[in-house]
Each structure stands twice: as structure tokens, then as C-alpha cells.
Amino acid sequence: MAEIVRADSFVTLHYRLSADDGLELMNTFRNAPGTLQMGSGQLAPSLEQRLIGVAEGERRVFELAAGEAFGERVAAMVMWVPRSQLPQLPSGTELELHAQIDFVAENGQAYSGLVREIRGDKVLMDFNHPLAGKPVRFEVEVIGVL
């Protein structure tokens, strides 16, 4: 009998996360599958909830409503940042529109933002999750459950 995913399972799976506009955030179907500990925060809680009860060997597609997977977009998380406050880019790299930039806060927490606009010495950064406020398609194939 096939094992089923529980709230405390270790799960090996292939998965794809995409928005209804075609933006694909993650796709392991092209490479090696991922392994995660349920409840550890490796996946958004709304995505983990969909996995509970899925059997080993099963493939499913879940459609999540706008904002359900990664919350709503927050206007205050889009802000102008002086270029001087951006992390140093690798040598020979230019700042580009739609580039994702990783930051480390003073408390050591890592976060990232997307470059929305560049105006002289200021950069408009969007710190919302790329799929925030969008309907999300979550496709999974559970390979193994422990």
C-alpha cells in the first residue's frame, strides 16, 4: 500500500509553481526532484496543505486563487532605494530591469527584491513575492514518503 503525505512526513517530489500568466517560479520536473520536511517552512503553508493526503506515486494539479498561495501584493513593499544601498554586484555585471537582488538585513535575515525601474541613482525595488496576488498553479508528483 502506498504511503500518504502527512503533516510531519519527509516527501520526495517533483513540483512546478506557476502563475496563470505563464510566469514559472519553480520547476523540478526538468531536473532532480526535491525533498522536503513537511512543516519546516520549505514550502508555503497553503501549498503544504494541498500535499497532505496525496499518495506516493500520485500526480496532482492544484489551482489556488489569487493571494491564497503567497498573500496579496502590498504596495508598501514597493519602494525607491538609493543605488548606494544595493548590495555590490559581481564585477562586470550591470544592474538590469527585472533582476532579482538578494539583501541581508542587519539582523542577518535574507530577503530579495525585483528591480522594477531604474532612475539615475535610485532603483524601484519590489519586495513582494513574485506570485503574490496572483492565482497559482501547483503541480506535484509525489515520488516517495517517509
Protein backbone atom coordinates (compact mmCIF):
# COMPACT_ATOMS: atom_id res chain seq x y z
CA MET A 1 0.00 0.00 0.00
CA ALA A 2 1.31 3.44 -0.95
CA GLU A 3 2.29 5.86 1.81
CA ILE A 4 0.37 9.11 2.02
CA VAL A 5 1.77 12.55 2.84
CA ARG A 6 1.13 13.59 6.45
CA ALA A 7 1.85 16.88 8.24
CA ASP A 8 5.18 15.51 9.56
CA SER A 9 6.34 13.49 6.51
CA PHE A 10 9.58 13.73 4.58
CA VAL A 11 8.49 13.94 0.94
CA THR A 12 10.44 13.49 -2.29
CA LEU A 13 8.57 15.08 -5.16
CA HIS A 14 8.63 16.90 -8.44
CA TYR A 15 6.74 20.16 -8.46
CA ARG A 16 6.02 23.17 -10.62
CA LEU A 17 4.78 26.56 -9.41
CA SER A 18 3.42 28.98 -11.97
CA ALA A 19 1.06 31.92 -12.27
CA ASP A 20 -1.89 31.97 -14.64
CA ASP A 21 0.00 34.49 -16.81
CA GLY A 22 2.66 31.83 -17.51
CA LEU A 23 5.30 33.10 -15.07
CA GLU A 24 7.02 29.93 -13.85
CA LEU A 25 8.72 30.31 -10.48
CA MET A 26 9.97 26.77 -9.92
CA ASN A 27 10.05 23.55 -11.91
CA THR A 28 11.86 20.41 -10.73
CA PHE A 29 10.35 18.20 -13.46
CA ARG A 30 13.32 19.12 -15.71
CA ASN A 31 15.92 18.19 -13.09
CA ALA A 32 16.26 16.19 -9.91
CA PRO A 33 13.24 16.01 -7.58
CA GLY A 34 13.19 17.93 -4.32
CA THR A 35 12.96 16.51 -0.81
CA LEU A 36 11.33 18.44 1.98
CA GLN A 37 10.26 18.05 5.58
CA MET A 38 6.59 18.94 5.92
CA GLY A 39 6.03 21.71 8.45
CA SER A 40 9.58 23.08 8.18
CA GLY A 41 8.68 26.14 6.10
CA GLN A 42 10.34 24.92 2.90
CA LEU A 43 7.00 25.37 1.12
CA ALA A 44 4.29 27.93 1.79
CA PRO A 45 1.73 26.55 4.29
CA SER A 46 -1.06 26.77 1.69
CA LEU A 47 0.98 24.52 -0.64
CA GLU A 48 1.85 22.05 2.13
CA GLN A 49 -1.87 21.77 2.97
CA ARG A 50 -2.53 20.61 -0.61
CA LEU A 51 0.09 17.86 -0.26
CA ILE A 52 -1.47 16.28 2.84
CA GLY A 53 -3.30 13.13 1.79
CA VAL A 54 -1.57 12.77 -1.59
CA ALA A 55 -0.33 9.20 -2.09
CA GLU A 56 3.13 8.11 -3.15
CA GLY A 57 3.20 7.81 -6.96
CA GLU A 58 0.28 10.21 -7.42
CA ARG A 59 0.38 13.31 -9.64
CA ARG A 60 -1.98 16.23 -8.94
CA VAL A 61 -2.60 19.80 -10.05
CA PHE A 62 -3.96 22.37 -7.60
CA GLU A 63 -5.30 25.77 -8.65
CA LEU A 64 -5.04 28.37 -5.87
CA ALA A 65 -6.99 31.63 -6.00
CA ALA A 66 -5.24 35.00 -6.25
CA GLY A 67 -3.44 35.73 -2.99
CA GLU A 68 -4.08 32.28 -1.50
CA ALA A 69 -0.61 30.86 -2.06
CA PHE A 70 1.67 33.84 -1.33
CA GLY A 71 -0.65 36.52 0.01
CA GLU A 72 -1.82 39.74 -1.57
CA ARG A 73 0.54 42.30 -3.07
CA VAL A 74 1.44 45.02 -0.57
CA ALA A 75 2.02 48.46 -2.10
CA ALA A 76 4.33 49.48 0.79
CA MET A 77 6.73 46.69 -0.23
CA VAL A 78 7.50 48.53 -3.48
CA MET A 79 9.95 51.32 -2.70
CA TRP A 80 12.69 53.50 -4.09
CA VAL A 81 16.14 52.51 -2.84
CA PRO A 82 19.33 54.55 -3.39
CA ARG A 83 21.78 52.62 -5.58
CA SER A 84 24.36 53.10 -2.84
CA GLN A 85 22.28 50.84 -0.55
CA LEU A 86 22.13 47.96 -3.04
CA PRO A 87 24.46 45.01 -2.46
CA GLN A 88 27.63 45.04 -4.53
CA LEU A 89 27.04 43.37 -7.91
CA PRO A 90 29.63 40.90 -9.23
CA SER A 91 32.39 42.53 -11.28
CA GLY A 92 31.31 43.20 -14.87
CA THR A 93 27.60 42.92 -14.02
CA GLU A 94 25.20 45.76 -14.79
CA LEU A 95 22.01 46.49 -12.88
CA GLU A 96 19.10 45.45 -15.11
CA LEU A 97 15.30 45.67 -15.07
CA HIS A 98 13.61 42.56 -13.63
CA ALA A 99 16.84 41.41 -11.96
CA GLN A 100 16.38 39.76 -8.59
CA ILE A 101 18.68 41.20 -5.93
CA ASP A 102 19.37 39.44 -2.65
CA PHE A 103 19.77 41.50 0.51
CA VAL A 104 20.81 40.68 4.05
CA ALA A 105 19.22 42.79 6.79
CA GLU A 106 21.17 44.00 9.82
CA ASN A 107 19.57 41.18 11.83
CA GLY A 108 21.01 38.65 9.36
CA GLN A 109 17.69 37.80 7.69
CA ALA A 110 17.96 37.30 3.93
CA TYR A 111 15.36 38.65 1.53
CA SER A 112 15.19 39.57 -2.12
CA GLY A 113 13.60 42.15 -4.35
CA LEU A 114 12.89 42.60 -8.02
CA VAL A 115 14.16 45.66 -9.92
CA ARG A 116 11.06 47.38 -11.37
CA GLU A 117 12.61 50.67 -12.54
CA ILE A 118 15.99 52.42 -12.61
CA ARG A 119 16.13 56.22 -12.44
CA GLY A 120 19.62 57.70 -12.08
CA ASP A 121 20.86 56.91 -8.59
CA LYS A 122 17.53 55.39 -7.43
CA VAL A 123 16.08 51.94 -8.04
CA LEU A 124 12.43 50.95 -7.62
CA MET A 125 12.51 47.61 -5.78
CA ASP A 126 9.55 45.26 -5.34
CA PHE A 127 9.92 43.11 -2.22
CA ASN A 128 6.62 41.24 -2.72
CA HIS A 129 6.82 37.54 -3.55
CA PRO A 130 6.78 37.24 -7.38
CA LEU A 131 3.49 35.29 -7.17
CA ALA A 132 1.83 37.48 -4.51
CA GLY A 133 -1.68 38.45 -5.50
CA LYS A 134 -1.74 36.04 -8.44
CA PRO A 135 -3.63 32.81 -8.97
CA VAL A 136 -1.12 29.96 -8.68
CA ARG A 137 -0.96 26.56 -10.31
CA PHE A 138 0.80 23.97 -8.12
CA GLU A 139 1.56 20.72 -9.94
CA VAL A 140 3.08 17.86 -7.92
CA GLU A 141 4.19 14.28 -8.40
CA VAL A 142 4.91 12.55 -5.10
CA ILE A 143 7.80 10.13 -5.56
CA GLY A 144 8.40 8.97 -2.00
CA VAL A 145 7.05 9.48 1.51
CA LEU A 146 8.80 8.70 4.81
